[in-house]
C-alpha atoms as a PDB file:
ATOM      1  CA  UNK A   1     116.801  81.106  35.424  1.00  0.00           C
ATOM      2  CA  UNK A   2     116.045  79.671  38.858  1.00  0.00           C
ATOM      3  CA  UNK A   3     118.667  78.244  41.157  1.00  0.00           C
ATOM      4  CA  UNK A   4     117.852  75.942  44.069  1.00  0.00           C
ATOM      5  CA  UNK A   5     120.236  75.395  46.963  1.00  0.00           C
ATOM      6  CA  UNK A   6     119.516  72.612  49.450  1.00  0.00           C
ATOM      7  CA  UNK A   7     120.748  71.956  52.953  1.00  0.00           C
ATOM      8  CA  UNK A   8     119.967  69.787  55.954  1.00  0.00           C
ATOM      9  CA  UNK A   9     120.648  66.216  54.887  1.00  0.00           C
ATOM     10  CA  UNK A  10     122.523  63.790  57.058  1.00  0.00           C
ATOM     11  CA  UNK A  11     122.561  60.565  59.027  1.00  0.00           C
ATOM     12  CA  UNK A  12     119.937  59.878  61.668  1.00  0.00           C
ATOM     13  CA  UNK A  13     118.696  56.841  63.562  1.00  0.00           C
ATOM     14  CA  UNK A  14     115.220  55.448  63.058  1.00  0.00           C
ATOM     15  CA  UNK A  15     112.657  57.493  64.922  1.00  0.00           C
ATOM     16  CA  UNK A  16     114.680  60.668  64.643  1.00  0.00           C
ATOM     17  CA  UNK A  17     114.025  63.914  62.818  1.00  0.00           C
ATOM     18  CA  UNK A  18     115.654  66.070  60.156  1.00  0.00           C
ATOM     19  CA  UNK A  19     114.745  69.317  58.469  1.00  0.00           C
ATOM     20  CA  UNK A  20     115.608  69.934  54.830  1.00  0.00           C
ATOM     21  CA  UNK A  21     115.698  73.460  53.457  1.00  0.00           C
ATOM     22  CA  UNK A  22     115.768  74.828  49.928  1.00  0.00           C
ATOM     23  CA  UNK A  23     116.378  78.418  48.878  1.00  0.00           C
ATOM     24  CA  UNK A  24     115.353  79.637  45.430  1.00  0.00           C
ATOM     25  CA  UNK A  25     116.962  82.545  43.636  1.00  0.00           C
ATOM     26  CA  UNK A  26     116.796  84.106  40.202  1.00  0.00           C
ATOM     27  CA  UNK A  27     113.443  84.442  38.437  1.00  0.00           C
ATOM     28  CA  UNK A  28     111.419  83.237  41.385  1.00  0.00           C
ATOM     29  CA  UNK A  29     108.275  84.931  40.054  1.00  0.00           C
ATOM     30  CA  UNK A  30     108.137  82.082  37.555  1.00  0.00           C
ATOM     31  CA  UNK A  31     107.505  79.496  40.279  1.00  0.00           C
ATOM     32  CA  UNK A  32     104.073  78.142  41.064  1.00  0.00           C
ATOM     33  CA  UNK A  33     104.743  74.855  42.856  1.00  0.00           C
ATOM     34  CA  UNK A  34     107.782  73.804  44.869  1.00  0.00           C
ATOM     35  CA  UNK A  35     108.396  70.416  46.378  1.00  0.00           C
ATOM     36  CA  UNK A  36     110.651  67.557  47.309  1.00  0.00           C
ATOM     37  CA  UNK A  37     111.363  64.350  45.440  1.00  0.00           C
ATOM     38  CA  UNK A  38     113.504  61.428  46.514  1.00  0.00           C
ATOM     39  CA  UNK A  39     115.442  58.660  44.816  1.00  0.00           C
ATOM     40  CA  UNK A  40     116.106  55.504  46.802  1.00  0.00           C
ATOM     41  CA  UNK A  41     118.495  52.757  45.674  1.00  0.00           C
ATOM     42  CA  UNK A  42     116.861  50.557  43.060  1.00  0.00           C
ATOM     43  CA  UNK A  43     113.753  52.728  42.831  1.00  0.00           C
ATOM     44  CA  UNK A  44     112.471  55.486  40.595  1.00  0.00           C
ATOM     45  CA  UNK A  45     112.257  59.086  41.653  1.00  0.00           C
ATOM     46  CA  UNK A  46     109.074  59.786  43.577  1.00  0.00           C
ATOM     47  CA  UNK A  47     107.268  62.851  44.811  1.00  0.00           C
ATOM     48  CA  UNK A  48     107.478  63.238  48.572  1.00  0.00           C
ATOM     49  CA  UNK A  49     105.607  66.494  49.078  1.00  0.00           C
ATOM     50  CA  UNK A  50     104.722  69.653  47.198  1.00  0.00           C
ATOM     51  CA  UNK A  51     103.263  73.039  48.007  1.00  0.00           C
ATOM     52  CA  UNK A  52     101.794  75.729  45.791  1.00  0.00           C
ATOM     53  CA  UNK A  53     102.340  79.452  46.115  1.00  0.00           C
ATOM     54  CA  UNK A  54      98.898  79.586  47.718  1.00  0.00           C
ATOM     55  CA  UNK A  55      99.786  76.975  50.331  1.00  0.00           C
ATOM     56  CA  UNK A  56      98.055  73.912  48.903  1.00  0.00           C
ATOM     57  CA  UNK A  57      99.992  70.782  49.880  1.00  0.00           C
ATOM     58  CA  UNK A  58     100.303  67.269  48.537  1.00  0.00           C
ATOM     59  CA  UNK A  59     102.017  64.324  50.250  1.00  0.00           C
ATOM     60  CA  UNK A  60     102.959  60.809  49.343  1.00  0.00           C
ATOM     61  CA  UNK A  61     100.918  58.308  51.342  1.00  0.00           C
ATOM     62  CA  UNK A  62     104.084  56.868  52.836  1.00  0.00           C
ATOM     63  CA  UNK A  63     104.982  60.131  54.586  1.00  0.00           C
ATOM     64  CA  UNK A  64     101.600  61.537  55.582  1.00  0.00           C
ATOM     65  CA  UNK A  65     101.514  62.356  59.262  1.00  0.00           C
ATOM     66  CA  UNK A  66     105.300  62.252  59.551  1.00  0.00           C
ATOM     67  CA  UNK A  67     106.551  64.910  57.112  1.00  0.00           C
ATOM     68  CA  UNK A  68     105.461  68.530  56.850  1.00  0.00           C
ATOM     69  CA  UNK A  69     106.244  70.836  53.955  1.00  0.00           C
ATOM     70  CA  UNK A  70     106.194  74.591  54.394  1.00  0.00           C
ATOM     71  CA  UNK A  71     106.980  77.611  52.271  1.00  0.00           C
ATOM     72  CA  UNK A  72     107.926  81.223  52.810  1.00  0.00           C
ATOM     73  CA  UNK A  73     107.019  83.101  49.639  1.00  0.00           C
ATOM     74  CA  UNK A  74     108.693  86.307  50.794  1.00  0.00           C
ATOM     75  CA  UNK A  75     112.011  84.540  51.344  1.00  0.00           C
ATOM     76  CA  UNK A  76     111.589  82.108  48.433  1.00  0.00           C
ATOM     77  CA  UNK A  77     112.314  79.114  50.600  1.00  0.00           C
ATOM     78  CA  UNK A  78     110.703  75.738  51.122  1.00  0.00           C
ATOM     79  CA  UNK A  79     111.421  73.260  53.882  1.00  0.00           C
ATOM     80  CA  UNK A  80     110.589  69.678  54.723  1.00  0.00           C
ATOM     81  CA  UNK A  81     110.322  68.718  58.372  1.00  0.00           C
ATOM     82  CA  UNK A  82     110.800  64.962  58.642  1.00  0.00           C
ATOM     83  CA  UNK A  83     109.874  63.164  61.849  1.00  0.00           C
ATOM     84  CA  UNK A  84     109.579  59.522  62.909  1.00  0.00           C
ATOM     85  CA  UNK A  85     112.066  58.626  60.218  1.00  0.00           C
ATOM     86  CA  UNK A  86     112.265  55.047  58.990  1.00  0.00           C
ATOM     87  CA  UNK A  87     115.060  53.183  57.203  1.00  0.00           C
ATOM     88  CA  UNK A  88     112.911  53.134  54.076  1.00  0.00           C
ATOM     89  CA  UNK A  89     113.107  56.936  54.004  1.00  0.00           C
ATOM     90  CA  UNK A  90     116.773  56.620  53.058  1.00  0.00           C
ATOM     91  CA  UNK A  91     117.264  58.347  49.713  1.00  0.00           C
ATOM     92  CA  UNK A  92     118.708  61.326  47.931  1.00  0.00           C
ATOM     93  CA  UNK A  93     116.239  64.162  48.335  1.00  0.00           C
ATOM     94  CA  UNK A  94     115.883  66.783  45.607  1.00  0.00           C
ATOM     95  CA  UNK A  95     114.275  70.192  45.801  1.00  0.00           C
ATOM     96  CA  UNK A  96     112.042  70.970  42.830  1.00  0.00           C
ATOM     97  CA  UNK A  97     110.413  74.063  41.382  1.00  0.00           C
ATOM     98  CA  UNK A  98     108.320  74.469  38.290  1.00  0.00           C
ATOM     99  CA  UNK A  99     108.562  77.275  35.727  1.00  0.00           C
ATOM    100  CA  UNK A 100     104.831  77.647  35.276  1.00  0.00           C
ATOM    101  CA  UNK A 101     104.268  81.399  35.205  1.00  0.00           C
ATOM    102  CA  UNK A 102     107.050  82.045  32.685  1.00  0.00           C
ATOM    103  CA  UNK A 103     106.944  78.896  30.564  1.00  0.00           C
ATOM    104  CA  UNK A 104     103.991  76.576  31.081  1.00  0.00           C
ATOM    105  CA  UNK A 105     105.736  73.624  29.445  1.00  0.00           C
ATOM    106  CA  UNK A 106     109.289  74.676  30.140  1.00  0.00           C
ATOM    107  CA  UNK A 107     111.828  72.622  32.053  1.00  0.00           C
ATOM    108  CA  UNK A 108     111.539  72.494  35.834  1.00  0.00           C
ATOM    109  CA  UNK A 109     114.348  73.313  38.211  1.00  0.00           C
ATOM    110  CA  UNK A 110     116.187  70.930  40.504  1.00  0.00           C
ATOM    111  CA  UNK A 111     118.508  71.241  43.426  1.00  0.00           C
ATOM    112  CA  UNK A 112     121.743  69.300  43.603  1.00  0.00           C
ATOM    113  CA  UNK A 113     120.300  66.678  45.948  1.00  0.00           C
ATOM    114  CA  UNK A 114     121.064  65.920  49.566  1.00  0.00           C
ATOM    115  CA  UNK A 115     121.564  62.486  51.100  1.00  0.00           C
ATOM    116  CA  UNK A 116     119.306  61.356  53.924  1.00  0.00           C
ATOM    117  CA  UNK A 117     120.313  58.111  55.595  1.00  0.00           C
ATOM    118  CA  UNK A 118     118.205  56.520  58.316  1.00  0.00           C
ATOM    119  CA  UNK A 119     119.868  53.728  60.240  1.00  0.00           C
ATOM    120  CA  UNK A 120     118.345  51.100  62.502  1.00  0.00           C
END
């Protein structure tokens, strides 16, 4: 009952910056935590960053100090500001939202994914 729409992916050279955005609609009152995952070629999906409705954040060690996640609860949006990008950041990035307040063990929600490619 939640839809996630992503935008902002693209091609950038190493050292550059990109901002990813995700807008949630539907039963947004169900959402506790939103975040971003990524899937690189030959690797499993991994958590990049997450943020709770109260503003608590969590980052992968590989992106700390370079990426910043933010959230606007009133607008039901979450963004990921990516700076000092490296070729190893190349991946498909997926927006994620849980369904905690409506179904504690229910399925989470995923965006369609957006490609981020960092060239050297």
